[in-house]
Amino acid sequence: MSITDKDVQHVAKLARLNLTPEEEQMFTGQLNAILQYAEKLNELNTEGVEPTTHVLHLSNVMREDEVRESLPIEKVLLNAPDEEDDQIKVPAVLE
């Protein structure tokens, strides 16, 4: 499997990133290098190795439920693609 410039453009669009053609080429190369490295895992002999679901054997590790200060609405709305009445406006999901 390899990543194309078109794949990088698609992901950049989803993430609302404006990439230059040079950045697209750079990220395409970097992502392909990562995938090639990950392919090496297929060469490993894992016979007799138990599957690992978590690196640490911890369960239900949770922080205390406490009220914390949240972001000001102005900062939140700066990252929103659209807003209305101090709320993030998204496209309709249901008709």
PDB file of N, CA and C in Angstrom:
ATOM      1  N   MET A   1       0.850  -1.176   0.000  1.00  0.00           N
ATOM      2  CA  MET A   1       0.000   0.000   0.000  1.00  0.00           C
ATOM      3  C   MET A   1       0.893   1.236   0.000  1.00  0.00           C
ATOM      4  N   SER A   2       0.531   2.201  -0.801  1.00  0.00           N
ATOM      5  CA  SER A   2       1.293   3.444  -0.801  1.00  0.00           C
ATOM      6  C   SER A   2       0.338   4.631  -0.819  1.00  0.00           C
ATOM      7  N   ILE A   3       0.839   5.740  -0.348  1.00  0.00           N
ATOM      8  CA  ILE A   3       0.072   6.982  -0.263  1.00  0.00           C
ATOM      9  C   ILE A   3       0.392   7.823  -1.495  1.00  0.00           C
ATOM     10  N   THR A   4      -0.636   8.388  -2.105  1.00  0.00           N
ATOM     11  CA  THR A   4      -0.442   9.256  -3.263  1.00  0.00           C
ATOM     12  C   THR A   4      -0.644  10.713  -2.853  1.00  0.00           C
ATOM     13  N   ASP A   5      -0.244  11.617  -3.756  1.00  0.00           N
ATOM     14  CA  ASP A   5      -0.485  13.045  -3.509  1.00  0.00           C
ATOM     15  C   ASP A   5      -1.975  13.303  -3.323  1.00  0.00           C
ATOM     16  N   LYS A   6      -2.790  12.555  -4.073  1.00  0.00           N
ATOM     17  CA  LYS A   6      -4.242  12.726  -3.984  1.00  0.00           C
ATOM     18  C   LYS A   6      -4.743  12.353  -2.583  1.00  0.00           C
ATOM     19  N   ASP A   7      -4.177  11.292  -1.996  1.00  0.00           N
ATOM     20  CA  ASP A   7      -4.550  10.895  -0.631  1.00  0.00           C
ATOM     21  C   ASP A   7      -4.206  12.002   0.365  1.00  0.00           C
ATOM     22  N   VAL A   8      -3.024  12.573   0.214  1.00  0.00           N
ATOM     23  CA  VAL A   8      -2.593  13.648   1.118  1.00  0.00           C
ATOM     24  C   VAL A   8      -3.499  14.862   0.952  1.00  0.00           C
ATOM     25  N   GLN A   9      -3.858  15.194  -0.283  1.00  0.00           N
ATOM     26  CA  GLN A   9      -4.759  16.324  -0.534  1.00  0.00           C
ATOM     27  C   GLN A   9      -6.114  16.085   0.125  1.00  0.00           C
ATOM     28  N   HIS A  10      -6.612  14.843   0.037  1.00  0.00           N
ATOM     29  CA  HIS A  10      -7.916  14.510   0.620  1.00  0.00           C
ATOM     30  C   HIS A  10      -7.888  14.673   2.145  1.00  0.00           C
ATOM     31  N   VAL A  11      -6.863  14.128   2.781  1.00  0.00           N
ATOM     32  CA  VAL A  11      -6.758  14.227   4.239  1.00  0.00           C
ATOM     33  C   VAL A  11      -6.562  15.681   4.659  1.00  0.00           C
ATOM     34  N   ALA A  12      -5.769  16.422   3.908  1.00  0.00           N
ATOM     35  CA  ALA A  12      -5.559  17.838   4.227  1.00  0.00           C
ATOM     36  C   ALA A  12      -6.871  18.607   4.134  1.00  0.00           C
ATOM     37  N   LYS A  13      -7.670  18.284   3.139  1.00  0.00           N
ATOM     38  CA  LYS A  13      -8.966  18.957   2.991  1.00  0.00           C
ATOM     39  C   LYS A  13      -9.875  18.627   4.178  1.00  0.00           C
ATOM     40  N   LEU A  14      -9.902  17.350   4.586  1.00  0.00           N
ATOM     41  CA  LEU A  14     -10.719  16.957   5.739  1.00  0.00           C
ATOM     42  C   LEU A  14     -10.269  17.672   7.008  1.00  0.00           C
ATOM     43  N   ALA A  15      -8.964  17.877   7.138  1.00  0.00           N
ATOM     44  CA  ALA A  15      -8.412  18.537   8.325  1.00  0.00           C
ATOM     45  C   ALA A  15      -8.385  20.056   8.172  1.00  0.00           C
ATOM     46  N   ARG A  16      -8.899  20.528   7.047  1.00  0.00           N
ATOM     47  CA  ARG A  16      -8.935  21.966   6.756  1.00  0.00           C
ATOM     48  C   ARG A  16      -7.537  22.579   6.801  1.00  0.00           C
ATOM     49  N   LEU A  17      -6.596  21.868   6.151  1.00  0.00           N
ATOM     50  CA  LEU A  17      -5.225  22.347   6.053  1.00  0.00           C
ATOM     51  C   LEU A  17      -4.955  22.795   4.628  1.00  0.00           C
ATOM     52  N   ASN A  18      -4.329  23.926   4.480  1.00  0.00           N
ATOM     53  CA  ASN A  18      -3.913  24.405   3.166  1.00  0.00           C
ATOM     54  C   ASN A  18      -2.439  24.069   3.000  1.00  0.00           C
ATOM     55  N   LEU A  19      -2.148  23.085   2.147  1.00  0.00           N
ATOM     56  CA  LEU A  19      -0.771  22.666   1.927  1.00  0.00           C
ATOM     57  C   LEU A  19      -0.276  23.163   0.577  1.00  0.00           C
ATOM     58  N   THR A  20       0.987  23.531   0.544  1.00  0.00           N
ATOM     59  CA  THR A  20       1.610  23.887  -0.728  1.00  0.00           C
ATOM     60  C   THR A  20       1.949  22.586  -1.461  1.00  0.00           C
ATOM     61  N   PRO A  21       2.169  22.645  -2.771  1.00  0.00           N
ATOM     62  CA  PRO A  21       2.574  21.430  -3.496  1.00  0.00           C
ATOM     63  C   PRO A  21       3.841  20.800  -2.912  1.00  0.00           C
ATOM     64  N   GLU A  22       4.760  21.623  -2.436  1.00  0.00           N
ATOM     65  CA  GLU A  22       5.987  21.098  -1.829  1.00  0.00           C
ATOM     66  C   GLU A  22       5.674  20.335  -0.543  1.00  0.00           C
ATOM     67  N   GLU A  23       4.761  20.879   0.270  1.00  0.00           N
ATOM     68  CA  GLU A  23       4.366  20.197   1.510  1.00  0.00           C
ATOM     69  C   GLU A  23       3.649  18.892   1.196  1.00  0.00           C
ATOM     70  N   GLU A  24       2.801  18.888   0.166  1.00  0.00           N
ATOM     71  CA  GLU A  24       2.109  17.658  -0.224  1.00  0.00           C
ATOM     72  C   GLU A  24       3.119  16.576  -0.589  1.00  0.00           C
ATOM     73  N   GLN A  25       4.135  16.936  -1.379  1.00  0.00           N
ATOM     74  CA  GLN A  25       5.164  15.966  -1.758  1.00  0.00           C
ATOM     75  C   GLN A  25       5.935  15.483  -0.535  1.00  0.00           C
ATOM     76  N   MET A  26       6.272  16.411   0.362  1.00  0.00           N
ATOM     77  CA  MET A  26       7.019  16.057   1.562  1.00  0.00           C
ATOM     78  C   MET A  26       6.222  15.069   2.415  1.00  0.00           C
ATOM     79  N   PHE A  27       4.932  15.375   2.658  1.00  0.00           N
ATOM     80  CA  PHE A  27       4.110  14.498   3.494  1.00  0.00           C
ATOM     81  C   PHE A  27       3.846  13.161   2.811  1.00  0.00           C
ATOM     82  N   THR A  28       3.709  13.165   1.495  1.00  0.00           N
ATOM     83  CA  THR A  28       3.527  11.909   0.770  1.00  0.00           C
ATOM     84  C   THR A  28       4.742  11.014   0.991  1.00  0.00           C
ATOM     85  N   GLY A  29       5.931  11.583   0.870  1.00  0.00           N
ATOM     86  CA  GLY A  29       7.156  10.815   1.098  1.00  0.00           C
ATOM     87  C   GLY A  29       7.270  10.317   2.522  1.00  0.00           C
ATOM     88  N   GLN A  30       6.968  11.183   3.481  1.00  0.00           N
ATOM     89  CA  GLN A  30       7.065  10.796   4.893  1.00  0.00           C
ATOM     90  C   GLN A  30       6.078   9.682   5.232  1.00  0.00           C
ATOM     91  N   LEU A  31       4.842   9.813   4.752  1.00  0.00           N
ATOM     92  CA  LEU A  31       3.836   8.790   5.050  1.00  0.00           C
ATOM     93  C   LEU A  31       4.194   7.458   4.404  1.00  0.00           C
ATOM     94  N   ASN A  32       4.728   7.484   3.194  1.00  0.00           N
ATOM     95  CA  ASN A  32       5.149   6.244   2.548  1.00  0.00           C
ATOM     96  C   ASN A  32       6.312   5.598   3.291  1.00  0.00           C
ATOM     97  N   ALA A  33       7.231   6.403   3.820  1.00  0.00           N
ATOM     98  CA  ALA A  33       8.339   5.863   4.611  1.00  0.00           C
ATOM     99  C   ALA A  33       7.815   5.198   5.882  1.00  0.00           C
ATOM    100  N   ILE A  34       6.820   5.802   6.509  1.00  0.00           N
ATOM    101  CA  ILE A  34       6.219   5.220   7.718  1.00  0.00           C
ATOM    102  C   ILE A  34       5.549   3.892   7.387  1.00  0.00           C
ATOM    103  N   LEU A  35       4.809   3.850   6.276  1.00  0.00           N
ATOM    104  CA  LEU A  35       4.141   2.605   5.883  1.00  0.00           C
ATOM    105  C   LEU A  35       5.150   1.510   5.556  1.00  0.00           C
ATOM    106  N   GLN A  36       6.255   1.857   4.896  1.00  0.00           N
ATOM    107  CA  GLN A  36       7.292   0.866   4.596  1.00  0.00           C
ATOM    108  C   GLN A  36       7.889   0.312   5.882  1.00  0.00           C
ATOM    109  N   TYR A  37       8.106   1.176   6.849  1.00  0.00           N
ATOM    110  CA  TYR A  37       8.647   0.731   8.127  1.00  0.00           C
ATOM    111  C   TYR A  37       7.658  -0.205   8.825  1.00  0.00           C
ATOM    112  N   ALA A  38       6.372   0.166   8.793  1.00  0.00           N
ATOM    113  CA  ALA A  38       5.351  -0.662   9.438  1.00  0.00           C
ATOM    114  C   ALA A  38       5.223  -2.016   8.744  1.00  0.00           C
ATOM    115  N   GLU A  39       5.490  -2.075   7.444  1.00  0.00           N
ATOM    116  CA  GLU A  39       5.423  -3.343   6.713  1.00  0.00           C
ATOM    117  C   GLU A  39       6.435  -4.349   7.242  1.00  0.00           C
ATOM    118  N   LYS A  40       7.521  -3.866   7.840  1.00  0.00           N
ATOM    119  CA  LYS A  40       8.532  -4.764   8.402  1.00  0.00           C
ATOM    120  C   LYS A  40       7.936  -5.646   9.494  1.00  0.00           C
ATOM    121  N   LEU A  41       6.865  -5.177  10.126  1.00  0.00           N
ATOM    122  CA  LEU A  41       6.228  -5.977  11.178  1.00  0.00           C
ATOM    123  C   LEU A  41       5.685  -7.282  10.626  1.00  0.00           C
ATOM    124  N   ASN A  42       5.315  -7.299   9.341  1.00  0.00           N
ATOM    125  CA  ASN A  42       4.813  -8.527   8.724  1.00  0.00           C
ATOM    126  C   ASN A  42       5.897  -9.590   8.619  1.00  0.00           C
ATOM    127  N   GLU A  43       7.165  -9.195   8.696  1.00  0.00           N
ATOM    128  CA  GLU A  43       8.273 -10.140   8.595  1.00  0.00           C
ATOM    129  C   GLU A  43       8.579 -10.826   9.929  1.00  0.00           C
ATOM    130  N   LEU A  44       8.026 -10.315  11.012  1.00  0.00           N
ATOM    131  CA  LEU A  44       8.321 -10.868  12.334  1.00  0.00           C
ATOM    132  C   LEU A  44       7.623 -12.203  12.554  1.00  0.00           C
ATOM    133  N   ASN A  45       8.317 -13.105  13.220  1.00  0.00           N
ATOM    134  CA  ASN A  45       7.724 -14.380  13.605  1.00  0.00           C
ATOM    135  C   ASN A  45       7.023 -14.170  14.948  1.00  0.00           C
ATOM    136  N   THR A  46       5.705 -14.172  14.923  1.00  0.00           N
ATOM    137  CA  THR A  46       4.935 -13.945  16.148  1.00  0.00           C
ATOM    138  C   THR A  46       4.290 -15.228  16.664  1.00  0.00           C
ATOM    139  N   GLU A  47       4.757 -16.355  16.165  1.00  0.00           N
ATOM    140  CA  GLU A  47       4.202 -17.631  16.610  1.00  0.00           C
ATOM    141  C   GLU A  47       4.487 -17.828  18.098  1.00  0.00           C
ATOM    142  N   GLY A  48       3.449 -18.132  18.850  1.00  0.00           N
ATOM    143  CA  GLY A  48       3.586 -18.347  20.281  1.00  0.00           C
ATOM    144  C   GLY A  48       3.558 -17.069  21.110  1.00  0.00           C
ATOM    145  N   VAL A  49       3.388 -15.934  20.474  1.00  0.00           N
ATOM    146  CA  VAL A  49       3.333 -14.664  21.197  1.00  0.00           C
ATOM    147  C   VAL A  49       1.874 -14.316  21.442  1.00  0.00           C
ATOM    148  N   GLU A  50       1.535 -14.104  22.710  1.00  0.00           N
ATOM    149  CA  GLU A  50       0.150 -13.763  23.039  1.00  0.00           C
ATOM    150  C   GLU A  50      -0.197 -12.371  22.534  1.00  0.00           C
ATOM    151  N   PRO A  51      -1.409 -12.198  22.005  1.00  0.00           N
ATOM    152  CA  PRO A  51      -1.825 -10.858  21.574  1.00  0.00           C
ATOM    153  C   PRO A  51      -1.857  -9.895  22.763  1.00  0.00           C
ATOM    154  N   THR A  52      -1.474  -8.669  22.518  1.00  0.00           N
ATOM    155  CA  THR A  52      -1.451  -7.642  23.557  1.00  0.00           C
ATOM    156  C   THR A  52      -2.527  -6.614  23.258  1.00  0.00           C
ATOM    157  N   THR A  53      -3.416  -6.404  24.214  1.00  0.00           N
ATOM    158  CA  THR A  53      -4.435  -5.376  24.021  1.00  0.00           C
ATOM    159  C   THR A  53      -3.998  -4.063  24.638  1.00  0.00           C
ATOM    160  N   HIS A  54      -3.183  -4.133  25.687  1.00  0.00           N
ATOM    161  CA  HIS A  54      -2.662  -2.936  26.348  1.00  0.00           C
ATOM    162  C   HIS A  54      -1.224  -3.207  26.766  1.00  0.00           C
ATOM    163  N   VAL A  55      -0.401  -2.197  26.684  1.00  0.00           N
ATOM    164  CA  VAL A  55       0.995  -2.355  27.082  1.00  0.00           C
ATOM    165  C   VAL A  55       1.098  -2.570  28.585  1.00  0.00           C
ATOM    166  N   LEU A  56       0.310  -1.821  29.339  1.00  0.00           N
ATOM    167  CA  LEU A  56       0.302  -1.958  30.792  1.00  0.00           C
ATOM    168  C   LEU A  56      -0.946  -2.719  31.223  1.00  0.00           C
ATOM    169  N   HIS A  57      -0.801  -3.524  32.238  1.00  0.00           N
ATOM    170  CA  HIS A  57      -1.940  -4.300  32.727  1.00  0.00           C
ATOM    171  C   HIS A  57      -2.711  -3.497  33.772  1.00  0.00           C
ATOM    172  N   LEU A  58      -3.334  -2.433  33.322  1.00  0.00           N
ATOM    173  CA  LEU A  58      -4.131  -1.585  34.197  1.00  0.00           C
ATOM    174  C   LEU A  58      -5.573  -1.629  33.725  1.00  0.00           C
ATOM    175  N   SER A  59      -6.488  -1.514  34.654  1.00  0.00           N
ATOM    176  CA  SER A  59      -7.891  -1.469  34.246  1.00  0.00           C
ATOM    177  C   SER A  59      -8.607  -0.385  35.044  1.00  0.00           C
ATOM    178  N   ASN A  60      -9.522   0.275  34.373  1.00  0.00           N
ATOM    179  CA  ASN A  60     -10.349   1.306  34.992  1.00  0.00           C
ATOM    180  C   ASN A  60      -9.531   2.361  35.740  1.00  0.00           C
ATOM    181  N   VAL A  61      -8.500   2.844  35.093  1.00  0.00           N
ATOM    182  CA  VAL A  61      -7.696   3.908  35.684  1.00  0.00           C
ATOM    183  C   VAL A  61      -8.336   5.223  35.268  1.00  0.00           C
ATOM    184  N   MET A  62      -8.952   5.891  36.230  1.00  0.00           N
ATOM    185  CA  MET A  62      -9.664   7.129  35.931  1.00  0.00           C
ATOM    186  C   MET A  62      -9.261   8.213  36.915  1.00  0.00           C
ATOM    187  N   ARG A  63      -9.366   9.430  36.457  1.00  0.00           N
ATOM    188  CA  ARG A  63      -9.081  10.553  37.344  1.00  0.00           C
ATOM    189  C   ARG A  63     -10.331  10.857  38.160  1.00  0.00           C
ATOM    190  N   GLU A  64     -10.154  11.648  39.187  1.00  0.00           N
ATOM    191  CA  GLU A  64     -11.287  12.084  39.985  1.00  0.00           C
ATOM    192  C   GLU A  64     -12.212  12.933  39.127  1.00  0.00           C
ATOM    193  N   ASP A  65     -13.494  12.792  39.336  1.00  0.00           N
ATOM    194  CA  ASP A  65     -14.485  13.571  38.604  1.00  0.00           C
ATOM    195  C   ASP A  65     -14.619  14.923  39.286  1.00  0.00           C
ATOM    196  N   GLU A  66     -13.970  15.912  38.691  1.00  0.00           N
ATOM    197  CA  GLU A  66     -13.998  17.237  39.295  1.00  0.00           C
ATOM    198  C   GLU A  66     -14.244  18.285  38.213  1.00  0.00           C
ATOM    199  N   VAL A  67     -14.884  19.350  38.605  1.00  0.00           N
ATOM    200  CA  VAL A  67     -15.176  20.441  37.679  1.00  0.00           C
ATOM    201  C   VAL A  67     -13.892  21.217  37.430  1.00  0.00           C
ATOM    202  N   ARG A  68     -13.615  21.455  36.158  1.00  0.00           N
ATOM    203  CA  ARG A  68     -12.442  22.237  35.785  1.00  0.00           C
ATOM    204  C   ARG A  68     -12.871  23.394  34.899  1.00  0.00           C
ATOM    205  N   GLU A  69     -12.045  24.418  34.863  1.00  0.00           N
ATOM    206  CA  GLU A  69     -12.336  25.573  34.028  1.00  0.00           C
ATOM    207  C   GLU A  69     -12.270  25.153  32.559  1.00  0.00           C
ATOM    208  N   SER A  70     -13.247  25.587  31.789  1.00  0.00           N
ATOM    209  CA  SER A  70     -13.259  25.239  30.373  1.00  0.00           C
ATOM    210  C   SER A  70     -12.762  26.414  29.542  1.00  0.00           C
ATOM    211  N   LEU A  71     -12.607  26.164  28.247  1.00  0.00           N
ATOM    212  CA  LEU A  71     -12.152  27.225  27.347  1.00  0.00           C
ATOM    213  C   LEU A  71     -13.219  28.300  27.207  1.00  0.00           C
ATOM    214  N   PRO A  72     -12.804  29.541  27.050  1.00  0.00           N
ATOM    215  CA  PRO A  72     -13.786  30.602  26.786  1.00  0.00           C
ATOM    216  C   PRO A  72     -14.438  30.364  25.419  1.00  0.00           C
ATOM    217  N   ILE A  73     -15.712  30.665  25.302  1.00  0.00           N
ATOM    218  CA  ILE A  73     -16.465  30.410  24.076  1.00  0.00           C
ATOM    219  C   ILE A  73     -15.825  31.101  22.881  1.00  0.00           C
ATOM    220  N   GLU A  74     -15.209  32.260  23.100  1.00  0.00           N
ATOM    221  CA  GLU A  74     -14.573  32.991  22.003  1.00  0.00           C
ATOM    222  C   GLU A  74     -13.437  32.175  21.387  1.00  0.00           C
ATOM    223  N   LYS A  75     -12.638  31.528  22.229  1.00  0.00           N
ATOM    224  CA  LYS A  75     -11.534  30.708  21.728  1.00  0.00           C
ATOM    225  C   LYS A  75     -12.054  29.474  21.001  1.00  0.00           C
ATOM    226  N   VAL A  76     -13.099  28.875  21.523  1.00  0.00           N
ATOM    227  CA  VAL A  76     -13.677  27.688  20.890  1.00  0.00           C
ATOM    228  C   VAL A  76     -14.191  28.035  19.500  1.00  0.00           C
ATOM    229  N   LEU A  77     -14.891  29.142  19.397  1.00  0.00           N
ATOM    230  CA  LEU A  77     -15.498  29.523  18.119  1.00  0.00           C
ATOM    231  C   LEU A  77     -14.464  29.959  17.084  1.00  0.00           C
ATOM    232  N   LEU A  78     -13.259  30.319  17.516  1.00  0.00           N
ATOM    233  CA  LEU A  78     -12.210  30.680  16.562  1.00  0.00           C
ATOM    234  C   LEU A  78     -11.859  29.509  15.649  1.00  0.00           C
ATOM    235  N   ASN A  79     -11.974  28.283  16.148  1.00  0.00           N
ATOM    236  CA  ASN A  79     -11.628  27.095  15.372  1.00  0.00           C
ATOM    237  C   ASN A  79     -12.816  26.501  14.634  1.00  0.00           C
ATOM    238  N   ALA A  80     -13.984  27.040  14.830  1.00  0.00           N
ATOM    239  CA  ALA A  80     -15.190  26.493  14.195  1.00  0.00           C
ATOM    240  C   ALA A  80     -15.292  26.986  12.751  1.00  0.00           C
ATOM    241  N   PRO A  81     -15.686  26.098  11.831  1.00  0.00           N
ATOM    242  CA  PRO A  81     -15.845  26.537  10.449  1.00  0.00           C
ATOM    243  C   PRO A  81     -17.013  27.505  10.279  1.00  0.00           C
ATOM    244  N   ASP A  82     -18.028  27.389  11.140  1.00  0.00           N
ATOM    245  CA  ASP A  82     -19.191  28.269  11.081  1.00  0.00           C
ATOM    246  C   ASP A  82     -19.810  28.321  12.472  1.00  0.00           C
ATOM    247  N   GLU A  83     -20.385  29.469  12.823  1.00  0.00           N
ATOM    248  CA  GLU A  83     -21.020  29.594  14.140  1.00  0.00           C
ATOM    249  C   GLU A  83     -22.257  30.465  14.032  1.00  0.00           C
ATOM    250  N   GLU A  84     -23.155  30.222  14.978  1.00  0.00           N
ATOM    251  CA  GLU A  84     -24.398  30.994  15.034  1.00  0.00           C
ATOM    252  C   GLU A  84     -24.856  31.041  16.484  1.00  0.00           C
ATOM    253  N   ASP A  85     -25.163  32.215  16.985  1.00  0.00           N
ATOM    254  CA  ASP A  85     -25.636  32.403  18.363  1.00  0.00           C
ATOM    255  C   ASP A  85     -24.698  31.761  19.386  1.00  0.00           C
ATOM    256  N   ASP A  86     -23.399  32.004  19.238  1.00  0.00           N
ATOM    257  CA  ASP A  86     -22.382  31.457  20.143  1.00  0.00           C
ATOM    258  C   ASP A  86     -22.381  29.935  20.198  1.00  0.00           C
ATOM    259  N   GLN A  87     -22.751  29.286  19.108  1.00  0.00           N
ATOM    260  CA  GLN A  87     -22.707  27.829  19.014  1.00  0.00           C
ATOM    261  C   GLN A  87     -22.057  27.447  17.690  1.00  0.00           C
ATOM    262  N   ILE A  88     -21.402  26.291  17.674  1.00  0.00           N
ATOM    263  CA  ILE A  88     -20.798  25.803  16.440  1.00  0.00           C
ATOM    264  C   ILE A  88     -21.907  25.287  15.536  1.00  0.00           C
ATOM    265  N   LYS A  89     -21.922  25.775  14.309  1.00  0.00           N
ATOM    266  CA  LYS A  89     -22.951  25.381  13.350  1.00  0.00           C
ATOM    267  C   LYS A  89     -22.354  24.328  12.416  1.00  0.00           C
ATOM    268  N   VAL A  90     -23.046  23.193  12.303  1.00  0.00           N
ATOM    269  CA  VAL A  90     -22.598  22.105  11.435  1.00  0.00           C
ATOM    270  C   VAL A  90     -23.679  21.806  10.406  1.00  0.00           C
ATOM    271  N   PRO A  91     -23.316  21.162   9.301  1.00  0.00           N
ATOM    272  CA  PRO A  91     -24.326  20.802   8.311  1.00  0.00           C
ATOM    273  C   PRO A  91     -25.356  19.844   8.910  1.00  0.00           C
ATOM    274  N   ALA A  92     -26.575  19.919   8.408  1.00  0.00           N
ATOM    275  CA  ALA A  92     -27.648  19.041   8.891  1.00  0.00           C
ATOM    276  C   ALA A  92     -27.288  17.584   8.616  1.00  0.00           C
ATOM    277  N   VAL A  93     -27.564  16.718   9.579  1.00  0.00           N
ATOM    278  CA  VAL A  93     -27.287  15.297   9.435  1.00  0.00           C
ATOM    279  C   VAL A  93     -28.561  14.554   9.048  1.00  0.00           C
ATOM    280  N   LEU A  94     -29.674  14.960   9.612  1.00  0.00           N
ATOM    281  CA  LEU A  94     -30.959  14.323   9.333  1.00  0.00           C
ATOM    282  C   LEU A  94     -31.826  15.259   8.506  1.00  0.00           C
ATOM    283  N   GLU A  95     -32.622  14.663   7.670  1.00  0.00           N
ATOM    284  CA  GLU A  95     -33.546  15.476   6.861  1.00  0.00           C
ATOM    285  C   GLU A  95     -34.874  15.620   7.551  1.00  0.00           C
TER     286      GLU A  95
END
